[in-house]
Amino acid sequence: MKYYSLGQQKILIVLALLIFTLLYLKFYFHRPLPPEETYQEVVVEILGEVQKPGVYIFKNPPTLIEAVEKAGGLKESARFEGAQSSEVLNTGTLLNVSKESPKEVKITSGRMEASKLLALSIPLDLNRVSVEDLCLIPGIGESLAKEIVSYRERRKRFRSVEELKNVKGIEKKKYRSLKAFFTARP
């Protein structure tokens, strides 16, 4: 059996402490992560006289010009109306670009189809949704969809999503499963 001298034992202890320290730093000590960049994801659909029509995702609400540029720009050289070009878009906006004349383009905005909004997990507006659109949501049949629209017409509009609880046929459990599908904009 081999014995180590006092000097060798001290070196081995220092090496063991160094190895334990390195292992601790590798597996247990974590540096704080840099703060995550926060942004509001916005989805816009662009159709018509653009190079690449389609659905586009932006990190922040884009202006109309930014949205058209992301779609590859206009098919032909034309001009925008000044006030309209700086309009900021919301998620779920549908832009339709059409030619008015050889040098002028008309852009109309609306709302994307309910099926696309649902596929992208974008809530439907209770104050604008149709019976057919409501039937796309799991757990809502035609009779319940008609009840929701009837309630909206009687009350003039939904002031909040929580008002769904007042609709005949929607109890607490059903409300909890449906509330994520909706928003109530004025």
N, C-alpha and C. Protein backbone atom coordinates (compact mmCIF):
# COMPACT_ATOMS: atom_id res chain seq x y z
N MET A 1 0.82 -1.16 0.00
CA MET A 1 0.00 0.00 0.00
C MET A 1 0.88 1.24 0.00
N LYS A 2 0.50 2.19 -0.85
CA LYS A 2 1.32 3.38 -0.99
C LYS A 2 0.70 4.53 -0.18
N TYR A 3 1.57 5.26 0.54
CA TYR A 3 1.13 6.39 1.34
C TYR A 3 1.64 7.67 0.69
N TYR A 4 0.81 8.71 0.80
CA TYR A 4 1.20 10.01 0.25
C TYR A 4 1.74 10.89 1.36
N SER A 5 2.72 11.67 0.98
CA SER A 5 3.30 12.58 1.97
C SER A 5 2.29 13.70 2.27
N LEU A 6 2.55 14.46 3.30
CA LEU A 6 1.67 15.55 3.71
C LEU A 6 1.53 16.58 2.59
N GLY A 7 2.57 16.89 1.87
CA GLY A 7 2.53 17.85 0.76
C GLY A 7 1.67 17.33 -0.39
N GLN A 8 1.82 16.01 -0.68
CA GLN A 8 1.03 15.41 -1.76
C GLN A 8 -0.46 15.37 -1.38
N GLN A 9 -0.74 15.11 -0.09
CA GLN A 9 -2.13 15.08 0.37
C GLN A 9 -2.78 16.46 0.22
N LYS A 10 -2.01 17.52 0.53
CA LYS A 10 -2.54 18.87 0.39
C LYS A 10 -2.86 19.18 -1.07
N ILE A 11 -2.01 18.74 -1.98
CA ILE A 11 -2.23 18.98 -3.42
C ILE A 11 -3.48 18.22 -3.88
N LEU A 12 -3.64 16.97 -3.42
CA LEU A 12 -4.82 16.18 -3.80
C LEU A 12 -6.11 16.82 -3.27
N ILE A 13 -6.07 17.35 -2.05
CA ILE A 13 -7.25 18.03 -1.49
C ILE A 13 -7.59 19.26 -2.30
N VAL A 14 -6.59 20.04 -2.67
CA VAL A 14 -6.82 21.24 -3.48
C VAL A 14 -7.40 20.85 -4.84
N LEU A 15 -6.87 19.79 -5.46
CA LEU A 15 -7.39 19.33 -6.75
C LEU A 15 -8.84 18.85 -6.62
N ALA A 16 -9.14 18.11 -5.54
CA ALA A 16 -10.51 17.62 -5.32
C ALA A 16 -11.46 18.80 -5.14
N LEU A 17 -11.06 19.82 -4.36
CA LEU A 17 -11.91 21.00 -4.18
C LEU A 17 -12.11 21.74 -5.50
N LEU A 18 -11.07 21.81 -6.30
CA LEU A 18 -11.17 22.47 -7.60
C LEU A 18 -12.15 21.71 -8.50
N ILE A 19 -12.08 20.40 -8.51
CA ILE A 19 -12.99 19.59 -9.33
C ILE A 19 -14.43 19.76 -8.85
N PHE A 20 -14.66 19.71 -7.54
CA PHE A 20 -16.01 19.91 -7.00
C PHE A 20 -16.55 21.30 -7.33
N THR A 21 -15.70 22.31 -7.25
CA THR A 21 -16.11 23.68 -7.58
C THR A 21 -16.51 23.78 -9.04
N LEU A 22 -15.71 23.20 -9.93
CA LEU A 22 -16.03 23.23 -11.36
C LEU A 22 -17.34 22.50 -11.65
N LEU A 23 -17.54 21.35 -11.00
CA LEU A 23 -18.79 20.61 -11.20
C LEU A 23 -19.99 21.41 -10.69
N TYR A 24 -19.83 22.05 -9.55
CA TYR A 24 -20.90 22.88 -9.00
C TYR A 24 -21.25 24.00 -9.98
N LEU A 25 -20.23 24.69 -10.47
CA LEU A 25 -20.47 25.81 -11.38
C LEU A 25 -21.13 25.33 -12.67
N LYS A 26 -20.74 24.15 -13.14
CA LYS A 26 -21.29 23.64 -14.39
C LYS A 26 -22.75 23.22 -14.24
N PHE A 27 -23.10 22.52 -13.17
CA PHE A 27 -24.43 21.94 -13.05
C PHE A 27 -25.40 22.70 -12.15
N TYR A 28 -24.93 23.47 -11.20
CA TYR A 28 -25.84 24.09 -10.25
C TYR A 28 -25.89 25.60 -10.31
N PHE A 29 -24.85 26.22 -10.73
CA PHE A 29 -24.81 27.67 -10.77
C PHE A 29 -25.23 28.13 -12.16
N HIS A 30 -26.28 28.95 -12.22
CA HIS A 30 -26.76 29.46 -13.50
C HIS A 30 -26.69 30.97 -13.49
N ARG A 31 -26.12 31.50 -14.52
CA ARG A 31 -26.11 32.96 -14.66
C ARG A 31 -27.52 33.42 -14.99
N PRO A 32 -27.88 34.59 -14.52
CA PRO A 32 -29.21 35.08 -14.88
C PRO A 32 -29.30 35.29 -16.39
N LEU A 33 -30.42 34.87 -16.97
CA LEU A 33 -30.61 35.03 -18.40
C LEU A 33 -30.92 36.49 -18.71
N PRO A 34 -30.52 36.94 -19.89
CA PRO A 34 -30.87 38.31 -20.26
C PRO A 34 -32.39 38.42 -20.40
N PRO A 35 -32.95 39.57 -20.12
CA PRO A 35 -34.40 39.70 -20.22
C PRO A 35 -34.87 39.41 -21.64
N GLU A 36 -36.00 38.68 -21.73
CA GLU A 36 -36.52 38.34 -23.04
C GLU A 36 -37.11 39.58 -23.70
N GLU A 37 -36.95 39.62 -25.00
CA GLU A 37 -37.53 40.72 -25.76
C GLU A 37 -39.04 40.53 -25.78
N THR A 38 -39.77 41.55 -25.38
CA THR A 38 -41.22 41.44 -25.39
C THR A 38 -41.76 42.10 -26.66
N TYR A 39 -42.69 41.43 -27.27
CA TYR A 39 -43.33 42.00 -28.44
C TYR A 39 -44.75 41.48 -28.54
N GLN A 40 -45.53 42.18 -29.31
CA GLN A 40 -46.93 41.84 -29.51
C GLN A 40 -47.05 41.29 -30.92
N GLU A 41 -47.23 39.99 -31.04
CA GLU A 41 -47.32 39.36 -32.35
C GLU A 41 -48.62 39.77 -33.04
N VAL A 42 -48.50 40.22 -34.30
CA VAL A 42 -49.65 40.68 -35.07
C VAL A 42 -49.70 39.89 -36.37
N VAL A 43 -50.88 39.35 -36.69
CA VAL A 43 -51.08 38.57 -37.91
C VAL A 43 -51.95 39.37 -38.87
N VAL A 44 -51.48 39.52 -40.13
CA VAL A 44 -52.19 40.28 -41.14
C VAL A 44 -52.23 39.46 -42.42
N GLU A 45 -53.40 39.42 -43.07
CA GLU A 45 -53.53 38.75 -44.37
C GLU A 45 -53.60 39.82 -45.45
N ILE A 46 -52.82 39.62 -46.52
CA ILE A 46 -52.77 40.59 -47.61
C ILE A 46 -53.09 39.88 -48.91
N LEU A 47 -54.10 40.37 -49.62
CA LEU A 47 -54.54 39.78 -50.88
C LEU A 47 -54.54 40.82 -51.99
N GLY A 48 -54.59 40.37 -53.22
CA GLY A 48 -54.77 41.28 -54.35
C GLY A 48 -53.49 41.61 -55.07
N GLU A 49 -53.34 42.87 -55.43
CA GLU A 49 -52.28 43.35 -56.31
C GLU A 49 -50.93 43.55 -55.60
N VAL A 50 -50.47 42.49 -54.90
CA VAL A 50 -49.14 42.49 -54.29
C VAL A 50 -48.35 41.33 -54.86
N GLN A 51 -47.03 41.38 -54.74
CA GLN A 51 -46.16 40.35 -55.30
C GLN A 51 -46.40 38.98 -54.67
N LYS A 52 -46.53 38.94 -53.32
CA LYS A 52 -46.68 37.66 -52.61
C LYS A 52 -47.85 37.73 -51.64
N PRO A 53 -49.09 37.52 -52.14
CA PRO A 53 -50.23 37.54 -51.23
C PRO A 53 -50.11 36.42 -50.21
N GLY A 54 -50.64 36.66 -49.00
CA GLY A 54 -50.60 35.61 -47.98
C GLY A 54 -50.82 36.17 -46.59
N VAL A 55 -50.57 35.32 -45.60
CA VAL A 55 -50.71 35.69 -44.19
C VAL A 55 -49.32 35.96 -43.65
N TYR A 56 -49.14 37.10 -43.00
CA TYR A 56 -47.83 37.51 -42.49
C TYR A 56 -47.89 37.79 -41.00
N ILE A 57 -46.80 37.45 -40.31
CA ILE A 57 -46.70 37.66 -38.87
C ILE A 57 -45.66 38.75 -38.61
N PHE A 58 -46.03 39.72 -37.80
CA PHE A 58 -45.15 40.83 -37.44
C PHE A 58 -44.91 40.80 -35.94
N LYS A 59 -43.73 41.26 -35.51
CA LYS A 59 -43.43 41.30 -34.07
C LYS A 59 -44.19 42.42 -33.36
N ASN A 60 -44.49 43.48 -34.07
CA ASN A 60 -45.23 44.62 -33.51
C ASN A 60 -46.24 45.08 -34.54
N PRO A 61 -47.27 45.82 -34.13
CA PRO A 61 -48.28 46.27 -35.10
C PRO A 61 -47.65 47.05 -36.25
N PRO A 62 -47.82 46.57 -37.49
CA PRO A 62 -47.21 47.24 -38.64
C PRO A 62 -48.11 48.36 -39.17
N THR A 63 -47.50 49.26 -39.93
CA THR A 63 -48.30 50.23 -40.68
C THR A 63 -48.72 49.55 -41.97
N LEU A 64 -49.63 50.17 -42.66
CA LEU A 64 -50.11 49.61 -43.92
C LEU A 64 -48.96 49.45 -44.92
N ILE A 65 -48.09 50.41 -44.99
CA ILE A 65 -46.96 50.35 -45.92
C ILE A 65 -46.02 49.19 -45.55
N GLU A 66 -45.73 49.01 -44.27
CA GLU A 66 -44.86 47.90 -43.83
C GLU A 66 -45.47 46.55 -44.22
N ALA A 67 -46.79 46.42 -44.08
CA ALA A 67 -47.46 45.17 -44.43
C ALA A 67 -47.35 44.90 -45.92
N VAL A 68 -47.59 45.91 -46.74
CA VAL A 68 -47.50 45.74 -48.20
C VAL A 68 -46.06 45.43 -48.61
N GLU A 69 -45.09 46.07 -47.97
CA GLU A 69 -43.68 45.78 -48.28
C GLU A 69 -43.31 44.35 -47.94
N LYS A 70 -43.83 43.83 -46.83
CA LYS A 70 -43.53 42.45 -46.45
C LYS A 70 -44.13 41.46 -47.45
N ALA A 71 -45.21 41.86 -48.12
CA ALA A 71 -45.84 41.03 -49.14
C ALA A 71 -45.17 41.23 -50.50
N GLY A 72 -43.99 41.80 -50.51
CA GLY A 72 -43.23 41.97 -51.74
C GLY A 72 -43.52 43.26 -52.48
N GLY A 73 -44.36 44.10 -51.92
CA GLY A 73 -44.69 45.36 -52.58
C GLY A 73 -45.80 45.18 -53.61
N LEU A 74 -46.17 46.28 -54.22
CA LEU A 74 -47.23 46.27 -55.23
C LEU A 74 -46.75 45.60 -56.51
N LYS A 75 -47.68 45.02 -57.26
CA LYS A 75 -47.32 44.37 -58.53
C LYS A 75 -46.81 45.39 -59.54
N GLU A 76 -47.42 46.56 -59.56
CA GLU A 76 -47.01 47.61 -60.48
C GLU A 76 -46.78 48.88 -59.70
N SER A 77 -46.04 49.79 -60.29
CA SER A 77 -45.78 51.04 -59.58
C SER A 77 -47.06 51.86 -59.51
N ALA A 78 -47.38 52.24 -58.31
CA ALA A 78 -48.59 53.03 -58.05
C ALA A 78 -48.35 53.79 -56.75
N ARG A 79 -49.28 54.64 -56.39
CA ARG A 79 -49.09 55.43 -55.17
C ARG A 79 -50.21 55.15 -54.17
N PHE A 80 -49.86 55.33 -52.90
CA PHE A 80 -50.82 55.20 -51.80
C PHE A 80 -51.41 56.56 -51.50
N GLU A 81 -52.58 56.54 -50.88
CA GLU A 81 -53.11 57.78 -50.32
C GLU A 81 -52.32 58.07 -49.05
N GLY A 82 -51.94 59.30 -48.83
CA GLY A 82 -51.08 59.67 -47.72
C GLY A 82 -51.58 59.26 -46.35
N ALA A 83 -52.83 59.57 -46.02
CA ALA A 83 -53.35 59.28 -44.68
C ALA A 83 -53.48 57.79 -44.45
N GLN A 84 -53.86 57.07 -45.48
CA GLN A 84 -54.08 55.64 -45.35
C GLN A 84 -52.77 54.88 -45.14
N SER A 85 -51.67 55.35 -45.72
CA SER A 85 -50.42 54.60 -45.70
C SER A 85 -49.79 54.48 -44.31
N SER A 86 -50.10 55.38 -43.39
CA SER A 86 -49.51 55.31 -42.06
C SER A 86 -50.44 54.65 -41.03
N GLU A 87 -51.56 54.10 -41.49
CA GLU A 87 -52.51 53.43 -40.61
C GLU A 87 -51.85 52.22 -39.96
N VAL A 88 -52.00 52.08 -38.64
CA VAL A 88 -51.43 50.94 -37.90
C VAL A 88 -52.46 49.82 -37.88
N LEU A 89 -52.01 48.60 -38.16
CA LEU A 89 -52.91 47.46 -38.31
C LEU A 89 -52.96 46.62 -37.04
N ASN A 90 -54.11 46.03 -36.79
CA ASN A 90 -54.31 45.13 -35.66
C ASN A 90 -54.21 43.69 -36.12
N THR A 91 -54.05 42.78 -35.17
CA THR A 91 -54.01 41.38 -35.53
C THR A 91 -55.36 40.93 -36.08
N GLY A 92 -55.32 40.08 -37.11
CA GLY A 92 -56.53 39.60 -37.74
C GLY A 92 -57.04 40.48 -38.85
N THR A 93 -56.28 41.52 -39.23
CA THR A 93 -56.70 42.42 -40.30
C THR A 93 -56.51 41.76 -41.66
N LEU A 94 -57.46 41.97 -42.54
CA LEU A 94 -57.37 41.51 -43.93
C LEU A 94 -57.24 42.74 -44.81
N LEU A 95 -56.18 42.80 -45.60
CA LEU A 95 -55.99 43.90 -46.55
C LEU A 95 -56.23 43.37 -47.95
N ASN A 96 -57.05 44.08 -48.72
CA ASN A 96 -57.29 43.71 -50.10
C ASN A 96 -56.82 44.87 -50.97
N VAL A 97 -55.80 44.63 -51.77
CA VAL A 97 -55.19 45.66 -52.61
C VAL A 97 -55.75 45.51 -54.02
N SER A 98 -56.39 46.56 -54.52
CA SER A 98 -56.95 46.51 -55.87
C SER A 98 -56.53 47.76 -56.65
N LYS A 99 -56.51 47.62 -57.97
CA LYS A 99 -56.12 48.73 -58.84
C LYS A 99 -57.33 49.59 -59.14
N GLU A 100 -57.25 50.89 -58.90
CA GLU A 100 -58.29 51.83 -59.24
C GLU A 100 -58.07 52.38 -60.65
N SER A 101 -56.83 52.68 -60.94
CA SER A 101 -56.42 53.19 -62.26
C SER A 101 -54.97 52.75 -62.44
N PRO A 102 -54.38 52.99 -63.60
CA PRO A 102 -52.99 52.54 -63.80
C PRO A 102 -52.00 53.09 -62.77
N LYS A 103 -52.28 54.24 -62.20
CA LYS A 103 -51.34 54.84 -61.24
C LYS A 103 -51.85 54.89 -59.81
N GLU A 104 -53.05 54.38 -59.57
CA GLU A 104 -53.62 54.48 -58.22
C GLU A 104 -54.11 53.12 -57.73
N VAL A 105 -53.85 52.86 -56.44
CA VAL A 105 -54.21 51.60 -55.80
C VAL A 105 -55.18 51.89 -54.66
N LYS A 106 -56.18 51.04 -54.52
CA LYS A 106 -57.13 51.17 -53.42
C LYS A 106 -56.90 49.98 -52.48
N ILE A 107 -56.80 50.28 -51.19
CA ILE A 107 -56.62 49.23 -50.19
C ILE A 107 -57.80 49.27 -49.23
N THR A 108 -58.51 48.16 -49.17
CA THR A 108 -59.62 48.06 -48.23
C THR A 108 -59.21 47.11 -47.11
N SER A 109 -59.63 47.44 -45.92
CA SER A 109 -59.28 46.57 -44.79
C SER A 109 -60.56 45.99 -44.21
N GLY A 110 -60.40 44.79 -43.70
CA GLY A 110 -61.52 44.09 -43.08
C GLY A 110 -60.97 43.11 -42.06
N ARG A 111 -61.73 42.08 -41.81
CA ARG A 111 -61.33 41.07 -40.83
C ARG A 111 -61.10 39.75 -41.57
N MET A 112 -60.08 39.02 -41.16
CA MET A 112 -59.80 37.72 -41.74
C MET A 112 -60.98 36.78 -41.49
N GLU A 113 -61.07 35.73 -42.31
CA GLU A 113 -62.13 34.73 -42.13
C GLU A 113 -62.00 34.09 -40.75
N ALA A 114 -63.15 33.75 -40.17
CA ALA A 114 -63.16 33.16 -38.83
C ALA A 114 -62.36 31.87 -38.77
N SER A 115 -62.41 31.06 -39.81
CA SER A 115 -61.67 29.79 -39.80
C SER A 115 -60.16 30.04 -39.72
N LYS A 116 -59.67 31.07 -40.38
CA LYS A 116 -58.24 31.41 -40.32
C LYS A 116 -57.89 31.97 -38.94
N LEU A 117 -58.75 32.82 -38.42
CA LEU A 117 -58.50 33.38 -37.09
C LEU A 117 -58.40 32.27 -36.05
N LEU A 118 -59.33 31.33 -36.11
CA LEU A 118 -59.32 30.23 -35.15
C LEU A 118 -58.09 29.35 -35.33
N ALA A 119 -57.69 29.10 -36.57
CA ALA A 119 -56.50 28.29 -36.83
C ALA A 119 -55.24 28.95 -36.28
N LEU A 120 -55.23 30.28 -36.23
CA LEU A 120 -54.09 31.03 -35.73
C LEU A 120 -54.24 31.41 -34.25
N SER A 121 -55.26 30.87 -33.60
CA SER A 121 -55.56 31.14 -32.19
C SER A 121 -55.79 32.63 -31.91
N ILE A 122 -56.45 33.29 -32.84
CA ILE A 122 -56.83 34.69 -32.66
C ILE A 122 -58.31 34.71 -32.28
N PRO A 123 -58.66 35.34 -31.15
CA PRO A 123 -60.06 35.33 -30.71
C PRO A 123 -61.00 36.03 -31.70
N LEU A 124 -62.22 35.52 -31.78
CA LEU A 124 -63.26 36.12 -32.61
C LEU A 124 -63.96 37.22 -31.81
N ASP A 125 -64.37 38.26 -32.50
CA ASP A 125 -65.07 39.37 -31.86
C ASP A 125 -66.55 39.01 -31.71
N LEU A 126 -67.02 38.89 -30.49
CA LEU A 126 -68.41 38.55 -30.22
C LEU A 126 -69.39 39.54 -30.85
N ASN A 127 -68.97 40.76 -31.09
CA ASN A 127 -69.87 41.78 -31.63
C ASN A 127 -69.94 41.77 -33.15
N ARG A 128 -69.17 40.91 -33.80
CA ARG A 128 -69.17 40.86 -35.27
C ARG A 128 -69.31 39.45 -35.83
N VAL A 129 -69.22 38.43 -35.00
CA VAL A 129 -69.21 37.05 -35.46
C VAL A 129 -70.61 36.60 -35.89
N SER A 130 -70.64 35.77 -36.95
CA SER A 130 -71.92 35.27 -37.47
C SER A 130 -72.26 33.91 -36.87
N VAL A 131 -73.47 33.45 -37.11
CA VAL A 131 -73.90 32.13 -36.64
C VAL A 131 -73.00 31.06 -37.24
N GLU A 132 -72.71 31.18 -38.54
CA GLU A 132 -71.86 30.20 -39.22
C GLU A 132 -70.46 30.15 -38.61
N ASP A 133 -69.92 31.32 -38.28
CA ASP A 133 -68.59 31.38 -37.68
C ASP A 133 -68.59 30.76 -36.28
N LEU A 134 -69.64 31.01 -35.53
CA LEU A 134 -69.73 30.44 -34.19
C LEU A 134 -69.78 28.91 -34.23
N CYS A 135 -70.39 28.37 -35.26
CA CYS A 135 -70.49 26.90 -35.39
C CYS A 135 -69.13 26.24 -35.63
N LEU A 136 -68.12 27.01 -35.97
CA LEU A 136 -66.77 26.47 -36.16
C LEU A 136 -66.09 26.15 -34.84
N ILE A 137 -66.60 26.69 -33.76
CA ILE A 137 -65.97 26.53 -32.45
C ILE A 137 -66.46 25.24 -31.80
N PRO A 138 -65.54 24.42 -31.31
CA PRO A 138 -65.95 23.17 -30.65
C PRO A 138 -66.87 23.45 -29.46
N GLY A 139 -67.99 22.73 -29.40
CA GLY A 139 -68.91 22.91 -28.30
C GLY A 139 -70.06 23.86 -28.61
N ILE A 140 -70.02 24.50 -29.79
CA ILE A 140 -71.11 25.40 -30.17
C ILE A 140 -71.79 24.82 -31.41
N GLY A 141 -73.05 24.48 -31.24
CA GLY A 141 -73.86 24.03 -32.36
C GLY A 141 -74.68 25.18 -32.90
N GLU A 142 -75.52 24.88 -33.88
CA GLU A 142 -76.30 25.94 -34.52
C GLU A 142 -77.27 26.61 -33.55
N SER A 143 -77.92 25.83 -32.69
CA SER A 143 -78.90 26.44 -31.77
C SER A 143 -78.21 27.36 -30.76
N LEU A 144 -77.07 26.96 -30.23
CA LEU A 144 -76.35 27.83 -29.28
C LEU A 144 -75.80 29.06 -30.00
N ALA A 145 -75.33 28.88 -31.23
CA ALA A 145 -74.83 30.02 -32.01
C ALA A 145 -75.95 31.04 -32.22
N LYS A 146 -77.14 30.56 -32.53
CA LYS A 146 -78.27 31.47 -32.71
C LYS A 146 -78.63 32.18 -31.41
N GLU A 147 -78.52 31.47 -30.29
CA GLU A 147 -78.78 32.09 -28.97
C GLU A 147 -77.79 33.22 -28.70
N ILE A 148 -76.51 32.99 -29.03
CA ILE A 148 -75.47 34.01 -28.80
C ILE A 148 -75.77 35.25 -29.64
N VAL A 149 -76.07 35.05 -30.92
CA VAL A 149 -76.36 36.18 -31.81
C VAL A 149 -77.64 36.89 -31.37
N SER A 150 -78.64 36.13 -30.95
CA SER A 150 -79.90 36.72 -30.47
C SER A 150 -79.65 37.57 -29.23
N TYR A 151 -78.85 37.07 -28.31
CA TYR A 151 -78.51 37.82 -27.09
C TYR A 151 -77.81 39.13 -27.47
N ARG A 152 -76.86 39.04 -28.41
CA ARG A 152 -76.13 40.24 -28.85
C ARG A 152 -77.10 41.26 -29.45
N GLU A 153 -78.04 40.82 -30.25
CA GLU A 153 -78.99 41.74 -30.89
C GLU A 153 -79.91 42.38 -29.86
N ARG A 154 -80.35 41.62 -28.86
CA ARG A 154 -81.21 42.18 -27.80
C ARG A 154 -80.47 43.23 -26.98
N ARG A 155 -79.20 42.96 -26.67
CA ARG A 155 -78.41 43.86 -25.81
C ARG A 155 -77.65 44.91 -26.61
N LYS A 156 -77.73 44.89 -27.92
CA LYS A 156 -77.04 45.79 -28.87
C LYS A 156 -75.58 45.41 -29.08
N ARG A 157 -74.95 44.85 -28.09
CA ARG A 157 -73.56 44.38 -28.22
C ARG A 157 -73.14 43.69 -26.93
N PHE A 158 -72.03 42.95 -27.02
CA PHE A 158 -71.40 42.38 -25.82
C PHE A 158 -70.43 43.42 -25.28
N ARG A 159 -70.50 43.70 -24.00
CA ARG A 159 -69.56 44.62 -23.38
C ARG A 159 -68.30 43.90 -22.90
N SER A 160 -68.44 42.59 -22.61
CA SER A 160 -67.30 41.77 -22.21
C SER A 160 -67.60 40.32 -22.56
N VAL A 161 -66.58 39.51 -22.58
CA VAL A 161 -66.72 38.09 -22.87
C VAL A 161 -67.51 37.41 -21.76
N GLU A 162 -67.40 37.93 -20.54
CA GLU A 162 -68.12 37.34 -19.40
C GLU A 162 -69.63 37.34 -19.57
N GLU A 163 -70.14 38.21 -20.43
CA GLU A 163 -71.58 38.23 -20.69
C GLU A 163 -72.07 36.93 -21.31
N LEU A 164 -71.17 36.13 -21.85
CA LEU A 164 -71.56 34.83 -22.40
C LEU A 164 -72.25 33.97 -21.34
N LYS A 165 -71.89 34.20 -20.07
CA LYS A 165 -72.52 33.44 -18.98
C LYS A 165 -74.03 33.67 -18.92
N ASN A 166 -74.48 34.81 -19.46
CA ASN A 166 -75.90 35.15 -19.44
C ASN A 166 -76.68 34.53 -20.59
N VAL A 167 -75.98 33.95 -21.55
CA VAL A 167 -76.64 33.35 -22.71
C VAL A 167 -77.23 32.00 -22.30
N LYS A 168 -78.48 31.78 -22.70
CA LYS A 168 -79.17 30.53 -22.39
C LYS A 168 -78.38 29.36 -23.03
N GLY A 169 -78.03 28.37 -22.20
CA GLY A 169 -77.31 27.20 -22.71
C GLY A 169 -75.82 27.22 -22.39
N ILE A 170 -75.34 28.31 -21.79
CA ILE A 170 -73.91 28.38 -21.43
C ILE A 170 -73.80 28.43 -19.91
N GLU A 171 -73.38 27.29 -19.35
CA GLU A 171 -73.15 27.23 -17.90
C GLU A 171 -71.66 27.45 -17.64
N LYS A 172 -71.26 27.40 -16.37
CA LYS A 172 -69.88 27.72 -15.98
C LYS A 172 -68.85 26.89 -16.73
N LYS A 173 -69.06 25.58 -16.78
CA LYS A 173 -68.08 24.69 -17.42
C LYS A 173 -67.94 25.01 -18.91
N LYS A 174 -69.04 25.22 -19.59
CA LYS A 174 -69.01 25.55 -21.02
C LYS A 174 -68.36 26.92 -21.22
N TYR A 175 -68.67 27.88 -20.34
CA TYR A 175 -68.07 29.21 -20.45
C TYR A 175 -66.55 29.12 -20.36
N ARG A 176 -66.06 28.33 -19.40
CA ARG A 176 -64.60 28.19 -19.24
C ARG A 176 -63.96 27.62 -20.50
N SER A 177 -64.65 26.71 -21.19
CA SER A 177 -64.06 26.12 -22.39
C SER A 177 -64.18 27.05 -23.60
N LEU A 178 -65.10 28.03 -23.55
CA LEU A 178 -65.34 28.90 -24.70
C LEU A 178 -64.64 30.26 -24.62
N LYS A 179 -64.37 30.75 -23.42
CA LYS A 179 -63.94 32.14 -23.26
C LYS A 179 -62.65 32.48 -24.02
N ALA A 180 -61.76 31.52 -24.21
CA ALA A 180 -60.50 31.79 -24.91
C ALA A 180 -60.71 32.05 -26.40
N PHE A 181 -61.85 31.66 -26.93
CA PHE A 181 -62.13 31.83 -28.36
C PHE A 181 -62.65 33.22 -28.70
N PHE A 182 -62.92 34.05 -27.69
CA PHE A 182 -63.62 35.30 -27.96
C PHE A 182 -62.95 36.53 -27.35
N THR A 183 -63.29 37.66 -27.94
CA THR A 183 -63.00 38.97 -27.40
C THR A 183 -64.25 39.80 -27.63
N ALA A 184 -64.38 40.91 -26.94
CA ALA A 184 -65.55 41.79 -27.12
C ALA A 184 -65.05 43.20 -27.35
N ARG A 185 -64.97 43.59 -28.62
CA ARG A 185 -64.52 44.93 -28.96
C ARG A 185 -65.74 45.82 -29.15
N PRO A 186 -65.61 47.09 -28.79
CA PRO A 186 -66.76 48.02 -28.95
C PRO A 186 -67.10 48.26 -30.42
